[in-house]
Amino acid sequence: MYIVVSPLWAGKPANATVEFLKFVPPGKVTLVLTCIGNDMDKIVNDYESKNGKFKSHYVIIKNLKTKKR
């Protein structure tokens, strides 16, 4: 089992994290993402639809009050 913690960069996990995840089966990964306040369910679902389901995933959100423009 792998526990991977990564910041969210440009709508996806950091580049080093993406590269690491290419070498491990997603079903053995617990992914923890940190972000300022994005729609994390959409981001994780998009990633999983292309690469496979994670064992589990969690999000640490810095700010729940994001501005909508």
PDB file of N, CA and C in Angstrom:
ATOM      1  N   MET A   1       0.840  -1.183   0.000  1.00  0.00           N
ATOM      2  CA  MET A   1       0.000   0.000   0.000  1.00  0.00           C
ATOM      3  C   MET A   1       0.883   1.244   0.000  1.00  0.00           C
ATOM      4  N   TYR A   2       0.467   2.245  -0.710  1.00  0.00           N
ATOM      5  CA  TYR A   2       1.199   3.507  -0.796  1.00  0.00           C
ATOM      6  C   TYR A   2       0.290   4.637  -0.320  1.00  0.00           C
ATOM      7  N   ILE A   3       0.847   5.539   0.457  1.00  0.00           N
ATOM      8  CA  ILE A   3       0.150   6.765   0.834  1.00  0.00           C
ATOM      9  C   ILE A   3       0.910   7.903   0.176  1.00  0.00           C
ATOM     10  N   VAL A   4       0.252   8.609  -0.727  1.00  0.00           N
ATOM     11  CA  VAL A   4       0.887   9.659  -1.509  1.00  0.00           C
ATOM     12  C   VAL A   4       0.220  10.986  -1.165  1.00  0.00           C
ATOM     13  N   VAL A   5       1.028  11.960  -0.765  1.00  0.00           N
ATOM     14  CA  VAL A   5       0.532  13.299  -0.451  1.00  0.00           C
ATOM     15  C   VAL A   5       1.104  14.258  -1.474  1.00  0.00           C
ATOM     16  N   SER A   6       0.221  15.070  -2.068  1.00  0.00           N
ATOM     17  CA  SER A   6       0.670  15.951  -3.143  1.00  0.00           C
ATOM     18  C   SER A   6      -0.148  17.237  -3.166  1.00  0.00           C
ATOM     19  N   PRO A   7       0.497  18.349  -3.511  1.00  0.00           N
ATOM     20  CA  PRO A   7      -0.293  19.561  -3.771  1.00  0.00           C
ATOM     21  C   PRO A   7      -0.961  19.427  -5.131  1.00  0.00           C
ATOM     22  N   LEU A   8      -1.991  20.176  -5.321  1.00  0.00           N
ATOM     23  CA  LEU A   8      -2.654  20.250  -6.611  1.00  0.00           C
ATOM     24  C   LEU A   8      -2.008  21.373  -7.407  1.00  0.00           C
ATOM     25  N   TRP A   9      -1.529  21.073  -8.607  1.00  0.00           N
ATOM     26  CA  TRP A   9      -0.913  22.068  -9.476  1.00  0.00           C
ATOM     27  C   TRP A   9      -1.626  22.038 -10.817  1.00  0.00           C
ATOM     28  N   ALA A  10      -2.157  23.165 -11.227  1.00  0.00           N
ATOM     29  CA  ALA A  10      -2.800  23.303 -12.544  1.00  0.00           C
ATOM     30  C   ALA A  10      -3.876  22.241 -12.765  1.00  0.00           C
ATOM     31  N   GLY A  11      -4.663  21.971 -11.737  1.00  0.00           N
ATOM     32  CA  GLY A  11      -5.781  21.054 -11.875  1.00  0.00           C
ATOM     33  C   GLY A  11      -5.442  19.582 -11.830  1.00  0.00           C
ATOM     34  N   LYS A  12      -4.232  19.232 -11.402  1.00  0.00           N
ATOM     35  CA  LYS A  12      -3.850  17.820 -11.278  1.00  0.00           C
ATOM     36  C   LYS A  12      -2.779  17.697 -10.198  1.00  0.00           C
ATOM     37  N   PRO A  13      -2.500  16.474  -9.761  1.00  0.00           N
ATOM     38  CA  PRO A  13      -1.413  16.315  -8.789  1.00  0.00           C
ATOM     39  C   PRO A  13      -0.101  16.847  -9.379  1.00  0.00           C
ATOM     40  N   ALA A  14       0.834  17.198  -8.516  1.00  0.00           N
ATOM     41  CA  ALA A  14       2.134  17.711  -8.960  1.00  0.00           C
ATOM     42  C   ALA A  14       2.788  16.740  -9.944  1.00  0.00           C
ATOM     43  N   ASN A  15       3.603  17.263 -10.845  1.00  0.00           N
ATOM     44  CA  ASN A  15       4.228  16.451 -11.892  1.00  0.00           C
ATOM     45  C   ASN A  15       4.993  15.246 -11.346  1.00  0.00           C
ATOM     46  N   ALA A  16       5.732  15.429 -10.259  1.00  0.00           N
ATOM     47  CA  ALA A  16       6.479  14.312  -9.671  1.00  0.00           C
ATOM     48  C   ALA A  16       5.525  13.221  -9.182  1.00  0.00           C
ATOM     49  N   THR A  17       4.382  13.619  -8.663  1.00  0.00           N
ATOM     50  CA  THR A  17       3.385  12.659  -8.199  1.00  0.00           C
ATOM     51  C   THR A  17       2.790  11.897  -9.381  1.00  0.00           C
ATOM     52  N   VAL A  18       2.469  12.600 -10.439  1.00  0.00           N
ATOM     53  CA  VAL A  18       1.919  11.955 -11.641  1.00  0.00           C
ATOM     54  C   VAL A  18       2.907  10.919 -12.175  1.00  0.00           C
ATOM     55  N   GLU A  19       4.183  11.266 -12.215  1.00  0.00           N
ATOM     56  CA  GLU A  19       5.208  10.330 -12.687  1.00  0.00           C
ATOM     57  C   GLU A  19       5.302   9.112 -11.777  1.00  0.00           C
ATOM     58  N   PHE A  20       5.280   9.317 -10.459  1.00  0.00           N
ATOM     59  CA  PHE A  20       5.332   8.217  -9.508  1.00  0.00           C
ATOM     60  C   PHE A  20       4.137   7.291  -9.688  1.00  0.00           C
ATOM     61  N   LEU A  21       2.955   7.870  -9.868  1.00  0.00           N
ATOM     62  CA  LEU A  21       1.733   7.071  -9.978  1.00  0.00           C
ATOM     63  C   LEU A  21       1.708   6.199 -11.232  1.00  0.00           C
ATOM     64  N   LYS A  22       2.549   6.504 -12.203  1.00  0.00           N
ATOM     65  CA  LYS A  22       2.633   5.671 -13.406  1.00  0.00           C
ATOM     66  C   LYS A  22       3.231   4.296 -13.099  1.00  0.00           C
ATOM     67  N   PHE A  23       3.972   4.192 -11.982  1.00  0.00           N
ATOM     68  CA  PHE A  23       4.700   2.966 -11.666  1.00  0.00           C
ATOM     69  C   PHE A  23       4.060   2.114 -10.579  1.00  0.00           C
ATOM     70  N   VAL A  24       2.932   2.548 -10.041  1.00  0.00           N
ATOM     71  CA  VAL A  24       2.265   1.774  -8.988  1.00  0.00           C
ATOM     72  C   VAL A  24       0.799   1.550  -9.371  1.00  0.00           C
ATOM     73  N   PRO A  25       0.242   0.427  -8.974  1.00  0.00           N
ATOM     74  CA  PRO A  25      -1.172   0.181  -9.284  1.00  0.00           C
ATOM     75  C   PRO A  25      -2.069   1.128  -8.486  1.00  0.00           C
ATOM     76  N   PRO A  26      -2.996   1.824  -9.135  1.00  0.00           N
ATOM     77  CA  PRO A  26      -3.848   2.792  -8.437  1.00  0.00           C
ATOM     78  C   PRO A  26      -4.619   2.184  -7.268  1.00  0.00           C
ATOM     79  N   GLY A  27      -4.983   0.914  -7.378  1.00  0.00           N
ATOM     80  CA  GLY A  27      -5.745   0.255  -6.320  1.00  0.00           C
ATOM     81  C   GLY A  27      -4.980   0.087  -5.022  1.00  0.00           C
ATOM     82  N   LYS A  28      -3.675   0.321  -5.061  1.00  0.00           N
ATOM     83  CA  LYS A  28      -2.845   0.230  -3.848  1.00  0.00           C
ATOM     84  C   LYS A  28      -2.469   1.602  -3.307  1.00  0.00           C
ATOM     85  N   VAL A  29      -3.045   2.666  -3.885  1.00  0.00           N
ATOM     86  CA  VAL A  29      -2.665   4.034  -3.519  1.00  0.00           C
ATOM     87  C   VAL A  29      -3.781   4.736  -2.748  1.00  0.00           C
ATOM     88  N   THR A  30      -3.420   5.302  -1.604  1.00  0.00           N
ATOM     89  CA  THR A  30      -4.277   6.254  -0.909  1.00  0.00           C
ATOM     90  C   THR A  30      -3.707   7.621  -1.237  1.00  0.00           C
ATOM     91  N   LEU A  31      -4.470   8.437  -1.926  1.00  0.00           N
ATOM     92  CA  LEU A  31      -4.008   9.742  -2.392  1.00  0.00           C
ATOM     93  C   LEU A  31      -4.565  10.839  -1.499  1.00  0.00           C
ATOM     94  N   VAL A  32      -3.673  11.708  -1.038  1.00  0.00           N
ATOM     95  CA  VAL A  32      -4.066  12.872  -0.238  1.00  0.00           C
ATOM     96  C   VAL A  32      -3.627  14.106  -1.016  1.00  0.00           C
ATOM     97  N   LEU A  33      -4.585  14.921  -1.439  1.00  0.00           N
ATOM     98  CA  LEU A  33      -4.285  16.139  -2.190  1.00  0.00           C
ATOM     99  C   LEU A  33      -4.515  17.361  -1.321  1.00  0.00           C
ATOM    100  N   THR A  34      -3.641  18.342  -1.452  1.00  0.00           N
ATOM    101  CA  THR A  34      -3.826  19.627  -0.776  1.00  0.00           C
ATOM    102  C   THR A  34      -4.109  20.679  -1.842  1.00  0.00           C
ATOM    103  N   CYS A  35      -5.018  21.597  -1.510  1.00  0.00           N
ATOM    104  CA  CYS A  35      -5.357  22.630  -2.486  1.00  0.00           C
ATOM    105  C   CYS A  35      -5.902  23.858  -1.776  1.00  0.00           C
ATOM    106  N   ILE A  36      -6.107  24.913  -2.545  1.00  0.00           N
ATOM    107  CA  ILE A  36      -6.643  26.154  -2.002  1.00  0.00           C
ATOM    108  C   ILE A  36      -8.160  26.114  -1.942  1.00  0.00           C
ATOM    109  N   GLY A  37      -8.804  25.409  -2.836  1.00  0.00           N
ATOM    110  CA  GLY A  37     -10.265  25.350  -2.803  1.00  0.00           C
ATOM    111  C   GLY A  37     -10.887  25.022  -4.134  1.00  0.00           C
ATOM    112  N   ASN A  38     -10.432  23.988  -4.795  1.00  0.00           N
ATOM    113  CA  ASN A  38     -10.973  23.591  -6.095  1.00  0.00           C
ATOM    114  C   ASN A  38     -12.032  22.507  -5.936  1.00  0.00           C
ATOM    115  N   ASP A  39     -12.676  22.142  -7.039  1.00  0.00           N
ATOM    116  CA  ASP A  39     -13.646  21.055  -7.052  1.00  0.00           C
ATOM    117  C   ASP A  39     -12.881  19.738  -7.142  1.00  0.00           C
ATOM    118  N   MET A  40     -12.506  19.216  -5.992  1.00  0.00           N
ATOM    119  CA  MET A  40     -11.627  18.060  -5.946  1.00  0.00           C
ATOM    120  C   MET A  40     -12.291  16.779  -6.439  1.00  0.00           C
ATOM    121  N   ASP A  41     -13.578  16.610  -6.214  1.00  0.00           N
ATOM    122  CA  ASP A  41     -14.237  15.393  -6.691  1.00  0.00           C
ATOM    123  C   ASP A  41     -14.123  15.279  -8.205  1.00  0.00           C
ATOM    124  N   LYS A  42     -14.327  16.377  -8.909  1.00  0.00           N
ATOM    125  CA  LYS A  42     -14.213  16.365 -10.368  1.00  0.00           C
ATOM    126  C   LYS A  42     -12.784  16.029 -10.797  1.00  0.00           C
ATOM    127  N   ILE A  43     -11.808  16.631 -10.141  1.00  0.00           N
ATOM    128  CA  ILE A  43     -10.409  16.399 -10.502  1.00  0.00           C
ATOM    129  C   ILE A  43     -10.018  14.941 -10.271  1.00  0.00           C
ATOM    130  N   VAL A  44     -10.387  14.402  -9.111  1.00  0.00           N
ATOM    131  CA  VAL A  44     -10.051  13.008  -8.808  1.00  0.00           C
ATOM    132  C   VAL A  44     -10.803  12.068  -9.750  1.00  0.00           C
ATOM    133  N   ASN A  45     -12.074  12.329 -10.004  1.00  0.00           N
ATOM    134  CA  ASN A  45     -12.849  11.472 -10.916  1.00  0.00           C
ATOM    135  C   ASN A  45     -12.269  11.481 -12.323  1.00  0.00           C
ATOM    136  N   ASP A  46     -11.849  12.643 -12.801  1.00  0.00           N
ATOM    137  CA  ASP A  46     -11.227  12.730 -14.128  1.00  0.00           C
ATOM    138  C   ASP A  46      -9.947  11.909 -14.175  1.00  0.00           C
ATOM    139  N   TYR A  47      -9.120  12.038 -13.145  1.00  0.00           N
ATOM    140  CA  TYR A  47      -7.852  11.296 -13.094  1.00  0.00           C
ATOM    141  C   TYR A  47      -8.123   9.788 -13.035  1.00  0.00           C
ATOM    142  N   GLU A  48      -9.073   9.383 -12.180  1.00  0.00           N
ATOM    143  CA  GLU A  48      -9.377   7.961 -12.037  1.00  0.00           C
ATOM    144  C   GLU A  48      -9.975   7.371 -13.317  1.00  0.00           C
ATOM    145  N   SER A  49     -10.752   8.144 -14.047  1.00  0.00           N
ATOM    146  CA  SER A  49     -11.348   7.622 -15.281  1.00  0.00           C
ATOM    147  C   SER A  49     -10.279   7.309 -16.329  1.00  0.00           C
ATOM    148  N   LYS A  50      -9.154   7.993 -16.269  1.00  0.00           N
ATOM    149  CA  LYS A  50      -8.070   7.763 -17.218  1.00  0.00           C
ATOM    150  C   LYS A  50      -7.059   6.731 -16.724  1.00  0.00           C
ATOM    151  N   ASN A  51      -6.886   6.631 -15.389  1.00  0.00           N
ATOM    152  CA  ASN A  51      -5.781   5.841 -14.849  1.00  0.00           C
ATOM    153  C   ASN A  51      -6.183   4.711 -13.912  1.00  0.00           C
ATOM    154  N   GLY A  52      -7.439   4.624 -13.521  1.00  0.00           N
ATOM    155  CA  GLY A  52      -7.878   3.589 -12.594  1.00  0.00           C
ATOM    156  C   GLY A  52      -8.215   4.175 -11.232  1.00  0.00           C
ATOM    157  N   LYS A  53      -9.029   3.440 -10.475  1.00  0.00           N
ATOM    158  CA  LYS A  53      -9.505   3.909  -9.166  1.00  0.00           C
ATOM    159  C   LYS A  53      -8.427   3.769  -8.102  1.00  0.00           C
ATOM    160  N   PHE A  54      -8.317   4.809  -7.262  1.00  0.00           N
ATOM    161  CA  PHE A  54      -7.438   4.736  -6.103  1.00  0.00           C
ATOM    162  C   PHE A  54      -8.104   3.903  -5.021  1.00  0.00           C
ATOM    163  N   LYS A  55      -7.284   3.353  -4.125  1.00  0.00           N
ATOM    164  CA  LYS A  55      -7.846   2.634  -2.988  1.00  0.00           C
ATOM    165  C   LYS A  55      -8.759   3.582  -2.214  1.00  0.00           C
ATOM    166  N   SER A  56      -8.263   4.785  -1.967  1.00  0.00           N
ATOM    167  CA  SER A  56      -9.058   5.854  -1.361  1.00  0.00           C
ATOM    168  C   SER A  56      -8.376   7.172  -1.657  1.00  0.00           C
ATOM    169  N   HIS A  57      -9.099   8.262  -1.456  1.00  0.00           N
ATOM    170  CA  HIS A  57      -8.496   9.580  -1.639  1.00  0.00           C
ATOM    171  C   HIS A  57      -9.104  10.550  -0.639  1.00  0.00           C
ATOM    172  N   TYR A  58      -8.278  11.509  -0.257  1.00  0.00           N
ATOM    173  CA  TYR A  58      -8.665  12.532   0.713  1.00  0.00           C
ATOM    174  C   TYR A  58      -8.182  13.877   0.205  1.00  0.00           C
ATOM    175  N   VAL A  59      -8.821  14.927   0.713  1.00  0.00           N
ATOM    176  CA  VAL A  59      -8.466  16.273   0.285  1.00  0.00           C
ATOM    177  C   VAL A  59      -8.293  17.160   1.518  1.00  0.00           C
ATOM    178  N   ILE A  60      -7.238  17.943   1.520  1.00  0.00           N
ATOM    179  CA  ILE A  60      -7.028  18.971   2.541  1.00  0.00           C
ATOM    180  C   ILE A  60      -7.214  20.304   1.835  1.00  0.00           C
ATOM    181  N   ILE A  61      -8.294  21.004   2.168  1.00  0.00           N
ATOM    182  CA  ILE A  61      -8.609  22.263   1.502  1.00  0.00           C
ATOM    183  C   ILE A  61      -8.248  23.422   2.423  1.00  0.00           C
ATOM    184  N   LYS A  62      -7.445  24.345   1.904  1.00  0.00           N
ATOM    185  CA  LYS A  62      -7.008  25.493   2.697  1.00  0.00           C
ATOM    186  C   LYS A  62      -8.150  26.478   2.923  1.00  0.00           C
ATOM    187  N   ASN A  63      -8.947  26.732   1.893  1.00  0.00           N
ATOM    188  CA  ASN A  63      -9.967  27.762   1.975  1.00  0.00           C
ATOM    189  C   ASN A  63     -11.257  27.270   1.350  1.00  0.00           C
ATOM    190  N   LEU A  64     -12.304  27.123   2.151  1.00  0.00           N
ATOM    191  CA  LEU A  64     -13.584  26.669   1.620  1.00  0.00           C
ATOM    192  C   LEU A  64     -14.366  27.797   0.962  1.00  0.00           C
ATOM    193  N   LYS A  65     -14.012  29.033   1.241  1.00  0.00           N
ATOM    194  CA  LYS A  65     -14.724  30.181   0.674  1.00  0.00           C
ATOM    195  C   LYS A  65     -13.967  30.705  -0.532  1.00  0.00           C
ATOM    196  N   THR A  66     -14.270  30.167  -1.697  1.00  0.00           N
ATOM    197  CA  THR A  66     -13.617  30.637  -2.909  1.00  0.00           C
ATOM    198  C   THR A  66     -14.507  31.659  -3.600  1.00  0.00           C
ATOM    199  N   LYS A  67     -13.894  32.604  -4.269  1.00  0.00           N
ATOM    200  CA  LYS A  67     -14.645  33.635  -4.994  1.00  0.00           C
ATOM    201  C   LYS A  67     -15.099  33.086  -6.333  1.00  0.00           C
ATOM    202  N   LYS A  68     -16.329  33.374  -6.683  1.00  0.00           N
ATOM    203  CA  LYS A  68     -16.827  33.039  -8.021  1.00  0.00           C
ATOM    204  C   LYS A  68     -16.908  34.332  -8.811  1.00  0.00           C
ATOM    205  N   ARG A  69     -16.397  34.306 -10.001  1.00  0.00           N
ATOM    206  CA  ARG A  69     -16.379  35.522 -10.830  1.00  0.00           C
ATOM    207  C   ARG A  69     -17.370  35.418 -11.937  1.00  0.00           C
TER     208      ARG A  69
END
